[in-house]
C-alpha atoms as a PDB file:
ATOM      1  CA  UNK A   1     100.548 101.789  95.620  1.00  0.00           C
ATOM      2  CA  UNK A   2     100.111 102.007  99.266  1.00  0.00           C
ATOM      3  CA  UNK A   3      96.746 101.179  99.408  1.00  0.00           C
ATOM      4  CA  UNK A   4      95.027  97.716  99.457  1.00  0.00           C
ATOM      5  CA  UNK A   5      94.754  95.903  97.373  1.00  0.00           C
ATOM      6  CA  UNK A   6      97.355  97.733  95.102  1.00  0.00           C
ATOM      7  CA  UNK A   7      99.873  97.423  97.770  1.00  0.00           C
ATOM      8  CA  UNK A   8     100.371  93.750  96.857  1.00  0.00           C
ATOM      9  CA  UNK A   9     102.283  93.387  94.040  1.00  0.00           C
ATOM     10  CA  UNK A  10     100.682  90.197  92.581  1.00  0.00           C
ATOM     11  CA  UNK A  11      97.464  92.358  92.487  1.00  0.00           C
ATOM     12  CA  UNK A  12      99.141  95.154  90.537  1.00  0.00           C
ATOM     13  CA  UNK A  13     100.882  92.292  87.905  1.00  0.00           C
ATOM     14  CA  UNK A  14      97.252  91.045  87.329  1.00  0.00           C
ATOM     15  CA  UNK A  15      95.903  94.662  86.690  1.00  0.00           C
ATOM     16  CA  UNK A  16      98.997  95.103  83.995  1.00  0.00           C
ATOM     17  CA  UNK A  17      98.335  91.735  82.169  1.00  0.00           C
ATOM     18  CA  UNK A  18      94.577  91.940  82.007  1.00  0.00           C
ATOM     19  CA  UNK A  19      94.428  95.183  79.587  1.00  0.00           C
ATOM     20  CA  UNK A  20      94.856  94.306  76.214  1.00  0.00           C
ATOM     21  CA  UNK A  21      97.168  97.102  74.986  1.00  0.00           C
ATOM     22  CA  UNK A  22      97.666  95.934  71.502  1.00  0.00           C
ATOM     23  CA  UNK A  23      93.822  95.949  70.752  1.00  0.00           C
ATOM     24  CA  UNK A  24      93.631  99.645  72.235  1.00  0.00           C
ATOM     25  CA  UNK A  25      96.430 100.702  69.888  1.00  0.00           C
ATOM     26  CA  UNK A  26      95.070  98.897  66.634  1.00  0.00           C
ATOM     27  CA  UNK A  27      91.573  99.957  67.482  1.00  0.00           C
ATOM     28  CA  UNK A  28      91.305 102.903  69.652  1.00  0.00           C
ATOM     29  CA  UNK A  29      94.321 104.661  67.934  1.00  0.00           C
ATOM     30  CA  UNK A  30      94.060 103.377  64.796  1.00  0.00           C
ATOM     31  CA  UNK A  31      97.566 101.873  65.002  1.00  0.00           C
ATOM     32  CA  UNK A  32      98.849 105.410  65.519  1.00  0.00           C
ATOM     33  CA  UNK A  33     100.132 104.842  69.120  1.00  0.00           C
ATOM     34  CA  UNK A  34     103.537 102.867  70.782  1.00  0.00           C
ATOM     35  CA  UNK A  35     102.701 100.532  73.265  1.00  0.00           C
ATOM     36  CA  UNK A  36     106.033 101.454  75.225  1.00  0.00           C
ATOM     37  CA  UNK A  37     106.975 104.952  75.265  1.00  0.00           C
ATOM     38  CA  UNK A  38     107.002 105.772  78.654  1.00  0.00           C
ATOM     39  CA  UNK A  39     109.014 107.237  80.750  1.00  0.00           C
ATOM     40  CA  UNK A  40     111.736 107.117  78.195  1.00  0.00           C
ATOM     41  CA  UNK A  41     110.491 108.606  74.813  1.00  0.00           C
ATOM     42  CA  UNK A  42     111.441 106.711  71.758  1.00  0.00           C
ATOM     43  CA  UNK A  43     113.145 110.050  70.470  1.00  0.00           C
ATOM     44  CA  UNK A  44     115.570 110.018  73.090  1.00  0.00           C
ATOM     45  CA  UNK A  45     118.422 108.274  71.612  1.00  0.00           C
ATOM     46  CA  UNK A  46     120.506 106.722  74.238  1.00  0.00           C
ATOM     47  CA  UNK A  47     118.201 106.308  76.917  1.00  0.00           C
ATOM     48  CA  UNK A  48     115.005 104.918  75.354  1.00  0.00           C
ATOM     49  CA  UNK A  49     114.959 100.702  74.731  1.00  0.00           C
ATOM     50  CA  UNK A  50     112.537  99.119  72.989  1.00  0.00           C
ATOM     51  CA  UNK A  51     110.198  96.768  74.583  1.00  0.00           C
ATOM     52  CA  UNK A  52     111.447  93.737  72.591  1.00  0.00           C
ATOM     53  CA  UNK A  53     115.114  94.674  73.896  1.00  0.00           C
ATOM     54  CA  UNK A  54     113.690  94.411  77.737  1.00  0.00           C
ATOM     55  CA  UNK A  55     114.420  91.399  80.178  1.00  0.00           C
ATOM     56  CA  UNK A  56     111.545  88.806  79.954  1.00  0.00           C
ATOM     57  CA  UNK A  57     109.926  89.735  83.264  1.00  0.00           C
ATOM     58  CA  UNK A  58     109.125  93.304  81.543  1.00  0.00           C
ATOM     59  CA  UNK A  59     108.101  92.064  78.370  1.00  0.00           C
ATOM     60  CA  UNK A  60     105.387  89.869  80.224  1.00  0.00           C
ATOM     61  CA  UNK A  61     104.072  92.777  82.137  1.00  0.00           C
ATOM     62  CA  UNK A  62     102.948  94.416  78.994  1.00  0.00           C
ATOM     63  CA  UNK A  63     101.507  90.909  77.409  1.00  0.00           C
ATOM     64  CA  UNK A  64      97.624  90.257  77.432  1.00  0.00           C
ATOM     65  CA  UNK A  65      97.220  87.276  79.579  1.00  0.00           C
ATOM     66  CA  UNK A  66      93.694  87.141  81.421  1.00  0.00           C
ATOM     67  CA  UNK A  67      93.811  83.997  82.517  1.00  0.00           C
ATOM     68  CA  UNK A  68      97.211  84.265  84.359  1.00  0.00           C
ATOM     69  CA  UNK A  69      95.759  87.532  85.724  1.00  0.00           C
ATOM     70  CA  UNK A  70      92.747  85.481  87.150  1.00  0.00           C
ATOM     71  CA  UNK A  71      95.257  83.124  88.910  1.00  0.00           C
ATOM     72  CA  UNK A  72      97.214  85.834  90.212  1.00  0.00           C
ATOM     73  CA  UNK A  73      94.283  87.885  91.898  1.00  0.00           C
ATOM     74  CA  UNK A  74      93.449  84.206  93.284  1.00  0.00           C
ATOM     75  CA  UNK A  75      96.777  83.481  94.762  1.00  0.00           C
ATOM     76  CA  UNK A  76      96.734  87.452  96.376  1.00  0.00           C
ATOM     77  CA  UNK A  77      93.518  86.476  98.041  1.00  0.00           C
ATOM     78  CA  UNK A  78      91.014  87.924  95.714  1.00  0.00           C
ATOM     79  CA  UNK A  79      89.581  84.946  93.737  1.00  0.00           C
ATOM     80  CA  UNK A  80      86.258  87.048  93.293  1.00  0.00           C
ATOM     81  CA  UNK A  81      87.795  90.024  92.130  1.00  0.00           C
ATOM     82  CA  UNK A  82      87.276  93.392  93.824  1.00  0.00           C
ATOM     83  CA  UNK A  83      86.124  97.215  93.167  1.00  0.00           C
ATOM     84  CA  UNK A  84      88.487 100.146  92.508  1.00  0.00           C
ATOM     85  CA  UNK A  85      87.531 103.752  92.544  1.00  0.00           C
ATOM     86  CA  UNK A  86      89.110 105.619  89.688  1.00  0.00           C
ATOM     87  CA  UNK A  87      88.976 109.445  89.573  1.00  0.00           C
ATOM     88  CA  UNK A  88      89.608 111.257  86.331  1.00  0.00           C
ATOM     89  CA  UNK A  89      89.324 114.544  84.777  1.00  0.00           C
ATOM     90  CA  UNK A  90      85.651 114.945  83.339  1.00  0.00           C
ATOM     91  CA  UNK A  91      86.674 117.376  80.629  1.00  0.00           C
ATOM     92  CA  UNK A  92      88.865 114.865  79.347  1.00  0.00           C
ATOM     93  CA  UNK A  93      86.988 112.614  77.069  1.00  0.00           C
ATOM     94  CA  UNK A  94      90.048 110.660  75.700  1.00  0.00           C
ATOM     95  CA  UNK A  95      90.752 109.456  79.583  1.00  0.00           C
ATOM     96  CA  UNK A  96      86.915 108.840  79.898  1.00  0.00           C
ATOM     97  CA  UNK A  97      87.095 106.747  76.508  1.00  0.00           C
ATOM     98  CA  UNK A  98      90.136 104.946  77.517  1.00  0.00           C
ATOM     99  CA  UNK A  99      88.838 104.065  81.057  1.00  0.00           C
ATOM    100  CA  UNK A 100      85.773 102.932  79.770  1.00  0.00           C
ATOM    101  CA  UNK A 101      87.706 100.077  77.380  1.00  0.00           C
ATOM    102  CA  UNK A 102      90.168  99.177  80.473  1.00  0.00           C
ATOM    103  CA  UNK A 103      87.343  98.830  82.679  1.00  0.00           C
ATOM    104  CA  UNK A 104      85.700  96.046  79.944  1.00  0.00           C
ATOM    105  CA  UNK A 105      89.286  94.361  79.983  1.00  0.00           C
ATOM    106  CA  UNK A 106      89.455  94.305  83.850  1.00  0.00           C
ATOM    107  CA  UNK A 107      85.748  93.251  83.924  1.00  0.00           C
ATOM    108  CA  UNK A 108      86.685  89.815  82.593  1.00  0.00           C
ATOM    109  CA  UNK A 109      89.088  89.220  85.590  1.00  0.00           C
ATOM    110  CA  UNK A 110      86.479  90.217  88.188  1.00  0.00           C
ATOM    111  CA  UNK A 111      87.744  93.905  88.839  1.00  0.00           C
ATOM    112  CA  UNK A 112      85.024  96.653  88.699  1.00  0.00           C
ATOM    113  CA  UNK A 113      86.482 100.168  87.817  1.00  0.00           C
ATOM    114  CA  UNK A 114      84.145 102.662  89.702  1.00  0.00           C
ATOM    115  CA  UNK A 115      84.904 105.845  87.139  1.00  0.00           C
ATOM    116  CA  UNK A 116      84.512 108.884  89.131  1.00  0.00           C
ATOM    117  CA  UNK A 117      84.996 111.991  86.530  1.00  0.00           C
ATOM    118  CA  UNK A 118      85.413 115.208  88.852  1.00  0.00           C
ATOM    119  CA  UNK A 119      85.945 119.130  87.637  1.00  0.00           C
ATOM    120  CA  UNK A 120      89.398 119.651  86.854  1.00  0.00           C
ATOM    121  CA  UNK A 121      90.139 121.979  89.730  1.00  0.00           C
ATOM    122  CA  UNK A 122      88.656 119.331  92.182  1.00  0.00           C
ATOM    123  CA  UNK A 123      90.573 116.477  90.469  1.00  0.00           C
ATOM    124  CA  UNK A 124      93.774 118.492  90.812  1.00  0.00           C
ATOM    125  CA  UNK A 125      93.159 119.275  94.292  1.00  0.00           C
ATOM    126  CA  UNK A 126      93.063 115.561  95.736  1.00  0.00           C
ATOM    127  CA  UNK A 127      96.032 115.028  94.202  1.00  0.00           C
ATOM    128  CA  UNK A 128      98.158 117.931  95.296  1.00  0.00           C
ATOM    129  CA  UNK A 129      96.488 117.346  98.959  1.00  0.00           C
ATOM    130  CA  UNK A 130      97.261 113.222  98.855  1.00  0.00           C
ATOM    131  CA  UNK A 131      93.268 112.515  99.398  1.00  0.00           C
ATOM    132  CA  UNK A 132      93.028 110.768  95.900  1.00  0.00           C
ATOM    133  CA  UNK A 133      91.587 107.411  95.350  1.00  0.00           C
ATOM    134  CA  UNK A 134      93.487 104.413  94.794  1.00  0.00           C
ATOM    135  CA  UNK A 135      92.873 104.888  90.997  1.00  0.00           C
ATOM    136  CA  UNK A 136      93.910 108.074  89.263  1.00  0.00           C
ATOM    137  CA  UNK A 137      93.847 108.594  85.485  1.00  0.00           C
ATOM    138  CA  UNK A 138      96.118 111.548  84.496  1.00  0.00           C
ATOM    139  CA  UNK A 139      98.687 112.409  81.364  1.00  0.00           C
ATOM    140  CA  UNK A 140     102.530 112.634  82.637  1.00  0.00           C
ATOM    141  CA  UNK A 141     104.345 114.417  79.523  1.00  0.00           C
ATOM    142  CA  UNK A 142     107.909 114.118  78.570  1.00  0.00           C
ATOM    143  CA  UNK A 143     110.359 116.658  79.963  1.00  0.00           C
ATOM    144  CA  UNK A 144     113.572 115.538  79.303  1.00  0.00           C
ATOM    145  CA  UNK A 145     115.125 112.060  80.234  1.00  0.00           C
ATOM    146  CA  UNK A 146     116.128 113.004  83.868  1.00  0.00           C
ATOM    147  CA  UNK A 147     112.936 115.091  84.374  1.00  0.00           C
ATOM    148  CA  UNK A 148     110.948 112.856  83.313  1.00  0.00           C
ATOM    149  CA  UNK A 149     112.094 110.137  85.858  1.00  0.00           C
ATOM    150  CA  UNK A 150     111.843 113.003  88.533  1.00  0.00           C
ATOM    151  CA  UNK A 151     108.280 113.874  87.496  1.00  0.00           C
ATOM    152  CA  UNK A 152     107.316 110.345  87.628  1.00  0.00           C
ATOM    153  CA  UNK A 153     109.279 108.308  90.632  1.00  0.00           C
ATOM    154  CA  UNK A 154     110.869 111.395  92.533  1.00  0.00           C
ATOM    155  CA  UNK A 155     109.284 113.670  94.975  1.00  0.00           C
ATOM    156  CA  UNK A 156     106.998 116.232  92.858  1.00  0.00           C
ATOM    157  CA  UNK A 157     103.471 116.805  93.608  1.00  0.00           C
ATOM    158  CA  UNK A 158     102.248 115.382  90.733  1.00  0.00           C
ATOM    159  CA  UNK A 159     103.201 112.039  91.360  1.00  0.00           C
ATOM    160  CA  UNK A 160      99.962 110.214  92.457  1.00  0.00           C
ATOM    161  CA  UNK A 161     101.788 107.239  93.590  1.00  0.00           C
ATOM    162  CA  UNK A 162     103.647 109.376  95.975  1.00  0.00           C
ATOM    163  CA  UNK A 163     101.737 112.297  97.106  1.00  0.00           C
ATOM    164  CA  UNK A 164      99.737 110.170  99.446  1.00  0.00           C
ATOM    165  CA  UNK A 165     103.209 110.292 101.429  1.00  0.00           C
ATOM    166  CA  UNK A 166     103.113 113.390 102.122  1.00  0.00           C
ATOM    167  CA  UNK A 167     106.284 114.354  99.788  1.00  0.00           C
ATOM    168  CA  UNK A 168     106.862 117.518  98.062  1.00  0.00           C
ATOM    169  CA  UNK A 169     103.591 119.581  98.682  1.00  0.00           C
ATOM    170  CA  UNK A 170     105.277 122.474  97.078  1.00  0.00           C
ATOM    171  CA  UNK A 171     104.251 124.035  93.741  1.00  0.00           C
ATOM    172  CA  UNK A 172     106.568 124.320  90.721  1.00  0.00           C
ATOM    173  CA  UNK A 173     106.964 128.002  91.951  1.00  0.00           C
ATOM    174  CA  UNK A 174     108.420 126.637  95.096  1.00  0.00           C
ATOM    175  CA  UNK A 175     110.869 124.149  93.277  1.00  0.00           C
ATOM    176  CA  UNK A 176     112.332 127.020  91.520  1.00  0.00           C
ATOM    177  CA  UNK A 177     112.732 128.891  94.982  1.00  0.00           C
ATOM    178  CA  UNK A 178     115.126 126.074  95.988  1.00  0.00           C
ATOM    179  CA  UNK A 179     118.671 127.072  95.700  1.00  0.00           C
ATOM    180  CA  UNK A 180     121.467 124.541  94.984  1.00  0.00           C
ATOM    181  CA  UNK A 181     123.869 124.374  97.843  1.00  0.00           C
ATOM    182  CA  UNK A 182     126.447 124.477  95.550  1.00  0.00           C
ATOM    183  CA  UNK A 183     125.264 127.932  94.778  1.00  0.00           C
ATOM    184  CA  UNK A 184     125.834 128.948  98.262  1.00  0.00           C
ATOM    185  CA  UNK A 185     121.803 129.053  99.576  1.00  0.00           C
ATOM    186  CA  UNK A 186     120.306 126.098 101.315  1.00  0.00           C
ATOM    187  CA  UNK A 187     116.471 125.539 100.517  1.00  0.00           C
ATOM    188  CA  UNK A 188     114.125 126.107 103.003  1.00  0.00           C
ATOM    189  CA  UNK A 189     112.964 123.040 105.220  1.00  0.00           C
ATOM    190  CA  UNK A 190     110.055 122.326 103.591  1.00  0.00           C
ATOM    191  CA  UNK A 191     111.307 121.887 100.230  1.00  0.00           C
ATOM    192  CA  UNK A 192     112.729 118.078  99.430  1.00  0.00           C
ATOM    193  CA  UNK A 193     113.956 118.828  96.067  1.00  0.00           C
ATOM    194  CA  UNK A 194     116.822 116.368  95.224  1.00  0.00           C
ATOM    195  CA  UNK A 195     119.985 118.504  95.292  1.00  0.00           C
ATOM    196  CA  UNK A 196     121.810 115.598  93.292  1.00  0.00           C
ATOM    197  CA  UNK A 197     119.689 116.381  90.540  1.00  0.00           C
ATOM    198  CA  UNK A 198     119.006 120.332  90.619  1.00  0.00           C
ATOM    199  CA  UNK A 199     123.061 120.837  90.738  1.00  0.00           C
ATOM    200  CA  UNK A 200     123.198 119.463  87.106  1.00  0.00           C
ATOM    201  CA  UNK A 201     122.554 122.789  85.018  1.00  0.00           C
ATOM    202  CA  UNK A 202     120.976 120.803  82.453  1.00  0.00           C
ATOM    203  CA  UNK A 203     118.125 120.082  84.539  1.00  0.00           C
ATOM    204  CA  UNK A 204     116.224 123.606  84.727  1.00  0.00           C
ATOM    205  CA  UNK A 205     112.486 123.884  85.326  1.00  0.00           C
ATOM    206  CA  UNK A 206     110.627 126.476  83.484  1.00  0.00           C
ATOM    207  CA  UNK A 207     106.986 127.174  83.185  1.00  0.00           C
ATOM    208  CA  UNK A 208     107.072 126.257  79.551  1.00  0.00           C
ATOM    209  CA  UNK A 209     107.337 122.401  80.573  1.00  0.00           C
ATOM    210  CA  UNK A 210     110.863 121.914  78.851  1.00  0.00           C
ATOM    211  CA  UNK A 211     113.709 120.846  80.937  1.00  0.00           C
END
């Protein structure tokens, strides 16, 4: 979100409401999908709140309103739209299919997606090195309620929105090497792990992906 034109909140809102998520759920997934299931999984009782219980402003972001989206782009200074490169793992056919659908939706408001399939090693390398394009298609699995927040909004390297800033270039091995100050050892200077979270014994990252 630090790259133009995505640094403009009106542009981001426009892109959000220009995508017909309900159509994707119904036609692409055959109804077997949840529109609002992230960052908190619906099975996490006490953390998850369904979309219908969210504030009106949040619900609007998940509505489909291409006319409003076009108006927002015009207000943001892009009356004719713009082009946006999106990198994607070329081996993931589901992501390629979904991007094609999204590209069709965004084309209606004048936004052209330039889909860039990549070999997986290169795809991962640009993310870790902060060299990815403004658009980057990826999965982000559910770990635990706090773990998912850290993974998506914290300083971990696979957070595409943060990796451009040079945060957390270390690997999972480096993260596990960070010793909590409460246990008597300080982390290396290169580590930016949030000790306010790692001090909680419930938050333990393992290679298996569970927290």
